[in-house]
Amino acid sequence: NRSFSRLDEAQRVFASRTDTLIDYAVTRAKESVQLGGLSAMSYRLSPRHTLHVRGLYTNSADDEVRTYEGVDHNRDEPITGTWLVHRNTRLMYVQRNVLSGTVEGRHELSGLLGTSLNWKFSRSRASRLQPDRREVTYDRRFTYDEAGNLAPYWTLGSTGSREFGDLRDNGWGTTLSASLPYRLGSLGAGKLVLGYDRQTKARTNFYRRFNFYPRAGSDLTAPPDSAFGPGAFTGDPGSGYVEEGTLDIDNYRANQRVEAGYVTADVPFGSQLRGNFGVRFESAFQDVRSYDLFFP
């Protein structure tokens, strides 16, 4: 699948009920693509024993250009004394994929009082890759032309920024259940089910931020590909430079484990009435630890 979308929206921040702090007109243009596949196979070992294998893969990506323009009520334009107007552009590409597979079996054990056994093992991997996110802001300023009239122009209002992210998930799952049929005389047949489930997941998140500063004396009204082009970073005095902006909470490792056991009973109370009773015990653990990328 491939699709295109455009979304126009307004973002407003209010300092109070009557005071608008920020008022931005936002436009998001996005191209989205998706590729996926699903497969399954079953094999009957015998009339009472079967095996099942299932697989799932999806890969999606979003290429987005977001712009916003509006008034910042926190800053004044120095010549006119009016509120300063920002224009921000962000280019972002994000790719996500999920790969999962399960193997499960079903067994009817007639020699063990008609007990049936079900089991399933699963494995999954997921990732979110952000290979490049670029953002830059320009401010609308004013100057006087040769005729003495105010003339607007756009100039670089902040450093340029680039960000890179790589998040990965790994999951494992085990599920076991057994059911035992029984009969309560004339009341009818019932069933007792015992089950166990364990799901674990490990995640790593790698992230980097960089701030780009233009060359001293360069034309700050130039577009980003000129203001931050290769010629701006020569290493001589006055050269543009790149500053590390990664936060000490950007990178983290996480683990999660959920275990559960349960018992259910299907109890007959005659030909027209049945009852289902059960109890479940669950234990969960989650640990998330951020770390400084340069002082882990």
C-alpha atoms as a PDB file:
ATOM      1  CA  ASN A   1       0.000   0.000   0.000  1.00  0.00           C
ATOM      2  CA  ARG A   2       1.130   3.551  -0.753  1.00  0.00           C
ATOM      3  CA  SER A   3      -0.764   6.681   0.222  1.00  0.00           C
ATOM      4  CA  PHE A   4      -0.375  10.433   0.456  1.00  0.00           C
ATOM      5  CA  SER A   5      -1.993  12.766   2.957  1.00  0.00           C
ATOM      6  CA  ARG A   6      -2.043  16.407   3.943  1.00  0.00           C
ATOM      7  CA  LEU A   7      -3.261  17.673   7.294  1.00  0.00           C
ATOM      8  CA  ASP A   8      -3.793  21.317   8.208  1.00  0.00           C
ATOM      9  CA  GLU A   9      -4.198  22.103  11.868  1.00  0.00           C
ATOM     10  CA  ALA A  10      -3.933  24.895  14.431  1.00  0.00           C
ATOM     11  CA  GLN A  11      -1.829  24.648  17.573  1.00  0.00           C
ATOM     12  CA  ARG A  12      -2.531  27.145  20.303  1.00  0.00           C
ATOM     13  CA  VAL A  13      -1.036  27.506  23.766  1.00  0.00           C
ATOM     14  CA  PHE A  14      -2.815  29.743  26.258  1.00  0.00           C
ATOM     15  CA  ALA A  15      -1.161  31.471  29.199  1.00  0.00           C
ATOM     16  CA  SER A  16      -4.650  32.189  30.546  1.00  0.00           C
ATOM     17  CA  ARG A  17      -8.243  32.122  29.334  1.00  0.00           C
ATOM     18  CA  THR A  18      -7.780  35.454  27.564  1.00  0.00           C
ATOM     19  CA  ASP A  19      -4.071  35.428  26.672  1.00  0.00           C
ATOM     20  CA  THR A  20      -2.845  33.385  23.705  1.00  0.00           C
ATOM     21  CA  LEU A  21       0.807  32.531  24.230  1.00  0.00           C
ATOM     22  CA  ILE A  22       1.497  30.686  20.959  1.00  0.00           C
ATOM     23  CA  ASP A  23      -0.666  30.432  17.839  1.00  0.00           C
ATOM     24  CA  TYR A  24       0.713  28.291  15.009  1.00  0.00           C
ATOM     25  CA  ALA A  25      -0.750  27.165  11.682  1.00  0.00           C
ATOM     26  CA  VAL A  26       0.612  23.676  11.035  1.00  0.00           C
ATOM     27  CA  THR A  27       0.764  21.689   7.785  1.00  0.00           C
ATOM     28  CA  ARG A  28       1.797  18.038   7.612  1.00  0.00           C
ATOM     29  CA  ALA A  29       2.405  16.401   4.231  1.00  0.00           C
ATOM     30  CA  LYS A  30       3.122  12.693   4.432  1.00  0.00           C
ATOM     31  CA  GLU A  31       3.861   9.776   2.149  1.00  0.00           C
ATOM     32  CA  SER A  32       3.177   6.393   3.757  1.00  0.00           C
ATOM     33  CA  VAL A  33       4.062   2.961   2.417  1.00  0.00           C
ATOM     34  CA  GLN A  34       3.362  -0.480   3.835  1.00  0.00           C
ATOM     35  CA  LEU A  35       4.370  -4.010   2.929  1.00  0.00           C
ATOM     36  CA  GLY A  36       3.181  -7.065   4.832  1.00  0.00           C
ATOM     37  CA  GLY A  37       2.821 -10.792   4.665  1.00  0.00           C
ATOM     38  CA  LEU A  38       1.059 -13.512   6.633  1.00  0.00           C
ATOM     39  CA  SER A  39       1.643 -17.248   6.416  1.00  0.00           C
ATOM     40  CA  ALA A  40       0.324 -20.336   8.194  1.00  0.00           C
ATOM     41  CA  MET A  41       0.791 -24.057   7.910  1.00  0.00           C
ATOM     42  CA  SER A  42      -0.793 -26.960   9.791  1.00  0.00           C
ATOM     43  CA  TYR A  43       0.265 -30.580   9.811  1.00  0.00           C
ATOM     44  CA  ARG A  44      -1.825 -33.416  11.199  1.00  0.00           C
ATOM     45  CA  LEU A  45       0.464 -36.030  12.747  1.00  0.00           C
ATOM     46  CA  SER A  46      -2.523 -38.222  13.529  1.00  0.00           C
ATOM     47  CA  PRO A  47      -6.238 -37.708  14.134  1.00  0.00           C
ATOM     48  CA  ARG A  48      -5.393 -36.657  17.714  1.00  0.00           C
ATOM     49  CA  HIS A  49      -2.183 -34.668  17.209  1.00  0.00           C
ATOM     50  CA  THR A  50      -1.639 -31.538  15.096  1.00  0.00           C
ATOM     51  CA  LEU A  51       1.100 -28.935  14.678  1.00  0.00           C
ATOM     52  CA  HIS A  52       0.621 -25.325  13.546  1.00  0.00           C
ATOM     53  CA  VAL A  53       3.198 -22.763  12.353  1.00  0.00           C
ATOM     54  CA  ARG A  54       2.307 -19.108  11.765  1.00  0.00           C
ATOM     55  CA  GLY A  55       4.351 -16.127  10.644  1.00  0.00           C
ATOM     56  CA  LEU A  56       3.711 -12.391  10.297  1.00  0.00           C
ATOM     57  CA  TYR A  57       5.836  -9.620   8.782  1.00  0.00           C
ATOM     58  CA  THR A  58       5.006  -5.956   8.309  1.00  0.00           C
ATOM     59  CA  ASN A  59       7.190  -3.078   7.164  1.00  0.00           C
ATOM     60  CA  SER A  60       5.863   0.470   7.087  1.00  0.00           C
ATOM     61  CA  ALA A  61       7.474   3.857   6.554  1.00  0.00           C
ATOM     62  CA  ASP A  62       6.380   7.490   6.809  1.00  0.00           C
ATOM     63  CA  ASP A  63       8.148  10.334   4.999  1.00  0.00           C
ATOM     64  CA  GLU A  64       6.801  13.542   6.512  1.00  0.00           C
ATOM     65  CA  VAL A  65       7.346  17.246   5.955  1.00  0.00           C
ATOM     66  CA  ARG A  66       5.904  19.369   8.749  1.00  0.00           C
ATOM     67  CA  THR A  67       5.846  23.160   8.694  1.00  0.00           C
ATOM     68  CA  TYR A  68       4.395  25.586  11.169  1.00  0.00           C
ATOM     69  CA  GLU A  69       4.196  29.332  11.133  1.00  0.00           C
ATOM     70  CA  GLY A  70       2.776  31.688  13.696  1.00  0.00           C
ATOM     71  CA  VAL A  71       3.193  34.279  16.377  1.00  0.00           C
ATOM     72  CA  ASP A  72       5.303  33.761  19.481  1.00  0.00           C
ATOM     73  CA  HIS A  73       3.911  36.031  22.179  1.00  0.00           C
ATOM     74  CA  ASN A  74       7.075  35.610  24.230  1.00  0.00           C
ATOM     75  CA  ARG A  75       9.323  37.616  21.865  1.00  0.00           C
ATOM     76  CA  ASP A  76       9.137  40.963  20.080  1.00  0.00           C
ATOM     77  CA  GLU A  77      10.408  41.968  16.664  1.00  0.00           C
ATOM     78  CA  PRO A  78      12.978  44.706  17.531  1.00  0.00           C
ATOM     79  CA  ILE A  79      12.129  47.235  14.794  1.00  0.00           C
ATOM     80  CA  THR A  80       8.330  47.083  14.700  1.00  0.00           C
ATOM     81  CA  GLY A  81       7.794  46.087  18.324  1.00  0.00           C
ATOM     82  CA  THR A  82       5.202  43.526  17.202  1.00  0.00           C
ATOM     83  CA  TRP A  83       5.165  39.861  18.152  1.00  0.00           C
ATOM     84  CA  LEU A  84       7.809  37.778  16.444  1.00  0.00           C
ATOM     85  CA  VAL A  85       6.667  35.305  13.769  1.00  0.00           C
ATOM     86  CA  HIS A  86       8.352  31.885  13.445  1.00  0.00           C
ATOM     87  CA  ARG A  87       8.475  29.527  10.485  1.00  0.00           C
ATOM     88  CA  ASN A  88       9.693  26.032  11.325  1.00  0.00           C
ATOM     89  CA  THR A  89      10.313  23.143   8.930  1.00  0.00           C
ATOM     90  CA  ARG A  90      10.891  19.549   9.964  1.00  0.00           C
ATOM     91  CA  LEU A  91      11.819  16.674   7.630  1.00  0.00           C
ATOM     92  CA  MET A  92      11.402  13.244   9.204  1.00  0.00           C
ATOM     93  CA  TYR A  93      11.562   9.689   7.935  1.00  0.00           C
ATOM     94  CA  VAL A  94      10.505   6.797  10.188  1.00  0.00           C
ATOM     95  CA  GLN A  95      10.519   3.096   9.324  1.00  0.00           C
ATOM     96  CA  ARG A  96       8.862   0.404  11.459  1.00  0.00           C
ATOM     97  CA  ASN A  97       8.847  -3.357  11.056  1.00  0.00           C
ATOM     98  CA  VAL A  98       7.487  -6.327  12.984  1.00  0.00           C
ATOM     99  CA  LEU A  99       8.454  -9.971  12.505  1.00  0.00           C
ATOM    100  CA  SER A 100       6.770 -12.670  14.590  1.00  0.00           C
ATOM    101  CA  GLY A 101       6.367 -16.401  14.478  1.00  0.00           C
ATOM    102  CA  THR A 102       4.607 -19.050  16.538  1.00  0.00           C
ATOM    103  CA  VAL A 103       4.751 -22.820  16.752  1.00  0.00           C
ATOM    104  CA  GLU A 104       1.926 -24.567  18.542  1.00  0.00           C
ATOM    105  CA  GLY A 105       0.599 -28.048  19.055  1.00  0.00           C
ATOM    106  CA  ARG A 106      -2.655 -29.682  20.069  1.00  0.00           C
ATOM    107  CA  HIS A 107      -2.798 -33.190  21.467  1.00  0.00           C
ATOM    108  CA  GLU A 108      -5.706 -35.388  22.527  1.00  0.00           C
ATOM    109  CA  LEU A 109      -4.457 -37.904  25.107  1.00  0.00           C
ATOM    110  CA  SER A 110      -7.245 -40.427  25.279  1.00  0.00           C
ATOM    111  CA  GLY A 111      -5.124 -42.757  27.403  1.00  0.00           C
ATOM    112  CA  LEU A 112      -4.944 -40.136  30.185  1.00  0.00           C
ATOM    113  CA  LEU A 113      -8.635 -39.847  31.009  1.00  0.00           C
ATOM    114  CA  GLY A 114      -9.301 -37.909  27.800  1.00  0.00           C
ATOM    115  CA  THR A 115      -6.918 -35.080  28.677  1.00  0.00           C
ATOM    116  CA  SER A 116      -6.093 -32.559  25.932  1.00  0.00           C
ATOM    117  CA  LEU A 117      -2.843 -30.570  25.878  1.00  0.00           C
ATOM    118  CA  ASN A 118      -2.176 -27.305  24.045  1.00  0.00           C
ATOM    119  CA  TRP A 119       1.163 -25.512  23.862  1.00  0.00           C
ATOM    120  CA  LYS A 120       2.557 -22.518  21.986  1.00  0.00           C
ATOM    121  CA  PHE A 121       5.967 -20.901  21.652  1.00  0.00           C
ATOM    122  CA  SER A 122       6.317 -17.472  20.070  1.00  0.00           C
ATOM    123  CA  ARG A 123       9.171 -15.216  19.022  1.00  0.00           C
ATOM    124  CA  SER A 124       8.939 -11.618  17.832  1.00  0.00           C
ATOM    125  CA  ARG A 125      11.152  -8.738  16.781  1.00  0.00           C
ATOM    126  CA  ALA A 126      10.125  -5.126  16.244  1.00  0.00           C
ATOM    127  CA  SER A 127      12.064  -1.999  15.401  1.00  0.00           C
ATOM    128  CA  ARG A 128      11.560   1.704  14.855  1.00  0.00           C
ATOM    129  CA  LEU A 129      14.308   3.318  12.804  1.00  0.00           C
ATOM    130  CA  GLN A 130      14.564   7.072  12.428  1.00  0.00           C
ATOM    131  CA  PRO A 131      17.636   7.513  10.229  1.00  0.00           C
ATOM    132  CA  ASP A 132      17.334  11.276   9.969  1.00  0.00           C
ATOM    133  CA  ARG A 133      15.195  14.038  11.409  1.00  0.00           C
ATOM    134  CA  ARG A 134      16.113  17.588  10.386  1.00  0.00           C
ATOM    135  CA  GLU A 135      14.600  20.756  11.787  1.00  0.00           C
ATOM    136  CA  VAL A 136      15.267  24.457  11.374  1.00  0.00           C
ATOM    137  CA  THR A 137      13.464  27.663  12.376  1.00  0.00           C
ATOM    138  CA  TYR A 138      13.415  31.049  10.647  1.00  0.00           C
ATOM    139  CA  ASP A 139      12.167  34.314  12.170  1.00  0.00           C
ATOM    140  CA  ARG A 140      10.434  37.095  10.275  1.00  0.00           C
ATOM    141  CA  ARG A 141      12.360  40.345  10.715  1.00  0.00           C
ATOM    142  CA  PHE A 142      11.984  43.814   9.236  1.00  0.00           C
ATOM    143  CA  THR A 143      14.369  46.311   7.759  1.00  0.00           C
ATOM    144  CA  TYR A 144      14.061  49.644   5.979  1.00  0.00           C
ATOM    145  CA  ASP A 145      14.550  49.668   2.234  1.00  0.00           C
ATOM    146  CA  GLU A 146      16.094  52.489   0.222  1.00  0.00           C
ATOM    147  CA  ALA A 147      12.762  54.321   0.182  1.00  0.00           C
ATOM    148  CA  GLY A 148      12.482  54.149   3.958  1.00  0.00           C
ATOM    149  CA  ASN A 149       9.678  51.590   3.929  1.00  0.00           C
ATOM    150  CA  LEU A 150       9.563  48.565   6.175  1.00  0.00           C
ATOM    151  CA  ALA A 151      10.489  45.389   4.292  1.00  0.00           C
ATOM    152  CA  PRO A 152      10.112  41.907   5.818  1.00  0.00           C
ATOM    153  CA  TYR A 153      12.681  39.156   5.445  1.00  0.00           C
ATOM    154  CA  TRP A 154      13.252  35.698   6.934  1.00  0.00           C
ATOM    155  CA  THR A 155      16.451  34.933   8.854  1.00  0.00           C
ATOM    156  CA  LEU A 156      17.730  31.938  10.747  1.00  0.00           C
ATOM    157  CA  GLY A 157      16.166  32.025  14.202  1.00  0.00           C
ATOM    158  CA  SER A 158      17.821  29.042  15.857  1.00  0.00           C
ATOM    159  CA  THR A 159      20.453  26.397  15.368  1.00  0.00           C
ATOM    160  CA  GLY A 160      19.727  23.635  12.935  1.00  0.00           C
ATOM    161  CA  SER A 161      19.139  20.223  14.475  1.00  0.00           C
ATOM    162  CA  ARG A 162      19.450  16.625  13.335  1.00  0.00           C
ATOM    163  CA  GLU A 163      18.371  13.569  15.283  1.00  0.00           C
ATOM    164  CA  PHE A 164      18.867   9.837  14.792  1.00  0.00           C
ATOM    165  CA  GLY A 165      16.993   7.045  16.574  1.00  0.00           C
ATOM    166  CA  ASP A 166      17.050   3.252  16.608  1.00  0.00           C
ATOM    167  CA  LEU A 167      14.628   1.340  18.865  1.00  0.00           C
ATOM    168  CA  ARG A 168      14.525  -2.460  18.943  1.00  0.00           C
ATOM    169  CA  ASP A 169      12.227  -4.920  20.723  1.00  0.00           C
ATOM    170  CA  ASN A 170      12.708  -8.645  21.201  1.00  0.00           C
ATOM    171  CA  GLY A 171       9.938 -10.822  22.620  1.00  0.00           C
ATOM    172  CA  TRP A 172       9.526 -14.437  23.706  1.00  0.00           C
ATOM    173  CA  GLY A 173       6.343 -16.215  24.763  1.00  0.00           C
ATOM    174  CA  THR A 174       5.345 -19.591  26.182  1.00  0.00           C
ATOM    175  CA  THR A 175       1.786 -20.797  26.756  1.00  0.00           C
ATOM    176  CA  LEU A 176       0.714 -24.189  28.118  1.00  0.00           C
ATOM    177  CA  SER A 177      -2.768 -25.427  28.938  1.00  0.00           C
ATOM    178  CA  ALA A 178      -4.321 -28.785  29.771  1.00  0.00           C
ATOM    179  CA  SER A 179      -7.977 -29.694  30.073  1.00  0.00           C
ATOM    180  CA  LEU A 180      -9.430 -32.694  31.840  1.00  0.00           C
ATOM    181  CA  PRO A 181     -13.050 -33.738  31.203  1.00  0.00           C
ATOM    182  CA  TYR A 182     -15.144 -35.194  33.989  1.00  0.00           C
ATOM    183  CA  ARG A 183     -18.745 -36.132  34.698  1.00  0.00           C
ATOM    184  CA  LEU A 184     -20.983 -35.362  37.664  1.00  0.00           C
ATOM    185  CA  GLY A 185     -23.444 -38.196  37.370  1.00  0.00           C
ATOM    186  CA  SER A 186     -26.819 -37.134  36.054  1.00  0.00           C
ATOM    187  CA  LEU A 187     -25.870 -33.430  36.162  1.00  0.00           C
ATOM    188  CA  GLY A 188     -23.759 -33.824  33.014  1.00  0.00           C
ATOM    189  CA  ALA A 189     -20.190 -33.486  31.748  1.00  0.00           C
ATOM    190  CA  GLY A 190     -17.778 -30.755  32.800  1.00  0.00           C
ATOM    191  CA  LYS A 191     -14.186 -29.741  32.188  1.00  0.00           C
ATOM    192  CA  LEU A 192     -11.251 -28.586  34.316  1.00  0.00           C
ATOM    193  CA  VAL A 193      -8.546 -26.438  32.671  1.00  0.00           C
ATOM    194  CA  LEU A 194      -5.069 -25.609  33.997  1.00  0.00           C
ATOM    195  CA  GLY A 195      -2.912 -23.032  32.230  1.00  0.00           C
ATOM    196  CA  TYR A 196       0.412 -21.195  32.367  1.00  0.00           C
ATOM    197  CA  ASP A 197       1.579 -18.204  30.337  1.00  0.00           C
ATOM    198  CA  ARG A 198       4.919 -16.365  30.263  1.00  0.00           C
ATOM    199  CA  GLN A 199       5.730 -13.333  28.107  1.00  0.00           C
ATOM    200  CA  THR A 200       9.099 -11.562  28.163  1.00  0.00           C
ATOM    201  CA  LYS A 201      10.370  -8.568  26.237  1.00  0.00           C
ATOM    202  CA  ALA A 202      13.697  -6.753  25.972  1.00  0.00           C
ATOM    203  CA  ARG A 203      14.065  -3.278  24.480  1.00  0.00           C
ATOM    204  CA  THR A 204      17.002  -1.056  23.603  1.00  0.00           C
ATOM    205  CA  ASN A 205      16.702   2.563  22.508  1.00  0.00           C
ATOM    206  CA  PHE A 206      19.627   4.384  20.892  1.00  0.00           C
ATOM    207  CA  TYR A 207      19.255   8.114  20.185  1.00  0.00           C
ATOM    208  CA  ARG A 208      21.543  10.975  19.155  1.00  0.00           C
ATOM    209  CA  ARG A 209      20.910  14.715  18.847  1.00  0.00           C
ATOM    210  CA  PHE A 210      23.120  17.285  17.120  1.00  0.00           C
ATOM    211  CA  ASN A 211      22.899  21.078  16.934  1.00  0.00           C
ATOM    212  CA  PHE A 212      24.367  22.761  13.858  1.00  0.00           C
ATOM    213  CA  TYR A 213      25.781  26.292  14.028  1.00  0.00           C
ATOM    214  CA  PRO A 214      26.340  28.301  10.827  1.00  0.00           C
ATOM    215  CA  ARG A 215      29.611  29.855   9.779  1.00  0.00           C
ATOM    216  CA  ALA A 216      30.357  33.285  11.232  1.00  0.00           C
ATOM    217  CA  GLY A 217      29.373  36.060   8.857  1.00  0.00           C
ATOM    218  CA  SER A 218      27.379  33.756   6.607  1.00  0.00           C
ATOM    219  CA  ASP A 219      24.080  34.728   5.011  1.00  0.00           C
ATOM    220  CA  LEU A 220      21.487  33.738   7.613  1.00  0.00           C
ATOM    221  CA  THR A 221      18.662  34.317   5.139  1.00  0.00           C
ATOM    222  CA  ALA A 222      19.926  31.467   2.940  1.00  0.00           C
ATOM    223  CA  PRO A 223      18.029  28.157   2.880  1.00  0.00           C
ATOM    224  CA  PRO A 224      19.260  25.374   5.195  1.00  0.00           C
ATOM    225  CA  ASP A 225      21.108  23.431   2.485  1.00  0.00           C
ATOM    226  CA  SER A 226      23.248  26.535   1.902  1.00  0.00           C
ATOM    227  CA  ALA A 227      23.562  27.807   5.487  1.00  0.00           C
ATOM    228  CA  PHE A 228      24.580  24.326   6.680  1.00  0.00           C
ATOM    229  CA  GLY A 229      26.217  23.056   3.504  1.00  0.00           C
ATOM    230  CA  PRO A 230      29.660  21.425   3.433  1.00  0.00           C
ATOM    231  CA  GLY A 231      31.338  24.763   2.770  1.00  0.00           C
ATOM    232  CA  ALA A 232      30.225  26.052   6.180  1.00  0.00           C
ATOM    233  CA  PHE A 233      32.312  23.454   8.044  1.00  0.00           C
ATOM    234  CA  THR A 234      35.935  23.977   7.094  1.00  0.00           C
ATOM    235  CA  GLY A 235      37.509  23.877  10.563  1.00  0.00           C
ATOM    236  CA  ASP A 236      39.201  27.294  10.237  1.00  0.00           C
ATOM    237  CA  PRO A 237      38.460  30.251  12.568  1.00  0.00           C
ATOM    238  CA  GLY A 238      34.813  31.251  12.242  1.00  0.00           C
ATOM    239  CA  SER A 239      33.855  27.898  10.779  1.00  0.00           C
ATOM    240  CA  GLY A 240      30.464  26.420  11.463  1.00  0.00           C
ATOM    241  CA  TYR A 241      30.454  23.612  13.971  1.00  0.00           C
ATOM    242  CA  VAL A 242      28.346  20.776  15.331  1.00  0.00           C
ATOM    243  CA  GLU A 243      27.465  20.446  19.003  1.00  0.00           C
ATOM    244  CA  GLU A 244      26.371  17.247  20.742  1.00  0.00           C
ATOM    245  CA  GLY A 245      22.845  17.679  22.087  1.00  0.00           C
ATOM    246  CA  THR A 246      22.038  14.143  23.262  1.00  0.00           C
ATOM    247  CA  LEU A 247      20.342  14.075  26.667  1.00  0.00           C
ATOM    248  CA  ASP A 248      21.271  11.642  29.417  1.00  0.00           C
ATOM    249  CA  ILE A 249      17.703  10.251  29.325  1.00  0.00           C
ATOM    250  CA  ASP A 250      17.549   9.675  25.547  1.00  0.00           C
ATOM    251  CA  ASN A 251      19.087   6.214  25.666  1.00  0.00           C
ATOM    252  CA  TYR A 252      17.701   3.378  27.734  1.00  0.00           C
ATOM    253  CA  ARG A 253      17.423  -0.367  28.174  1.00  0.00           C
ATOM    254  CA  ALA A 254      14.231  -2.048  29.351  1.00  0.00           C
ATOM    255  CA  ASN A 255      13.046  -5.518  30.306  1.00  0.00           C
ATOM    256  CA  GLN A 256       9.558  -6.801  30.986  1.00  0.00           C
ATOM    257  CA  ARG A 257       8.293 -10.152  32.193  1.00  0.00           C
ATOM    258  CA  VAL A 258       4.701 -11.235  32.815  1.00  0.00           C
ATOM    259  CA  GLU A 259       3.882 -14.693  34.188  1.00  0.00           C
ATOM    260  CA  ALA A 260       0.421 -16.034  34.877  1.00  0.00           C
ATOM    261  CA  GLY A 261      -1.221 -19.235  36.009  1.00  0.00           C
ATOM    262  CA  TYR A 262      -4.914 -20.003  36.018  1.00  0.00           C
ATOM    263  CA  VAL A 263      -7.491 -22.658  36.816  1.00  0.00           C
ATOM    264  CA  THR A 264     -10.998 -22.742  35.368  1.00  0.00           C
ATOM    265  CA  ALA A 265     -13.826 -25.171  35.866  1.00  0.00           C
ATOM    266  CA  ASP A 266     -16.871 -25.754  33.714  1.00  0.00           C
ATOM    267  CA  VAL A 267     -19.454 -27.181  36.126  1.00  0.00           C
ATOM    268  CA  PRO A 268     -22.765 -28.729  34.973  1.00  0.00           C
ATOM    269  CA  PHE A 269     -25.934 -28.193  37.010  1.00  0.00           C
ATOM    270  CA  GLY A 270     -28.274 -30.209  34.874  1.00  0.00           C
ATOM    271  CA  SER A 271     -29.290 -30.066  31.241  1.00  0.00           C
ATOM    272  CA  GLN A 272     -30.243 -26.345  31.265  1.00  0.00           C
ATOM    273  CA  LEU A 273     -27.758 -24.748  33.649  1.00  0.00           C
ATOM    274  CA  ARG A 274     -23.955 -24.522  33.698  1.00  0.00           C
ATOM    275  CA  GLY A 275     -21.447 -22.513  35.705  1.00  0.00           C
ATOM    276  CA  ASN A 276     -17.927 -21.324  34.950  1.00  0.00           C
ATOM    277  CA  PHE A 277     -15.548 -20.621  37.828  1.00  0.00           C
ATOM    278  CA  GLY A 278     -11.907 -19.630  37.717  1.00  0.00           C
ATOM    279  CA  VAL A 279      -8.977 -17.992  39.416  1.00  0.00           C
ATOM    280  CA  ARG A 280      -5.887 -16.381  37.903  1.00  0.00           C
ATOM    281  CA  PHE A 281      -2.596 -15.373  39.497  1.00  0.00           C
ATOM    282  CA  GLU A 282      -0.304 -12.965  37.684  1.00  0.00           C
ATOM    283  CA  SER A 283       3.184 -11.683  38.431  1.00  0.00           C
ATOM    284  CA  ALA A 284       4.720  -8.843  36.430  1.00  0.00           C
ATOM    285  CA  PHE A 285       8.137  -7.190  36.426  1.00  0.00           C
ATOM    286  CA  GLN A 286       9.354  -4.187  34.448  1.00  0.00           C
ATOM    287  CA  ASP A 287      12.716  -2.456  34.605  1.00  0.00           C
ATOM    288  CA  VAL A 288      13.610   0.651  32.568  1.00  0.00           C
ATOM    289  CA  ARG A 289      17.051   2.218  32.950  1.00  0.00           C
ATOM    290  CA  SER A 290      18.187   5.272  31.048  1.00  0.00           C
ATOM    291  CA  TYR A 291      21.883   5.974  30.787  1.00  0.00           C
ATOM    292  CA  ASP A 292      24.257   8.651  29.653  1.00  0.00           C
ATOM    293  CA  LEU A 293      25.570   7.568  26.273  1.00  0.00           C
ATOM    294  CA  PHE A 294      29.048   8.955  26.998  1.00  0.00           C
ATOM    295  CA  PHE A 295      29.253   7.893  30.662  1.00  0.00           C
ATOM    296  CA  PRO A 296      27.301   4.599  30.792  1.00  0.00           C
END
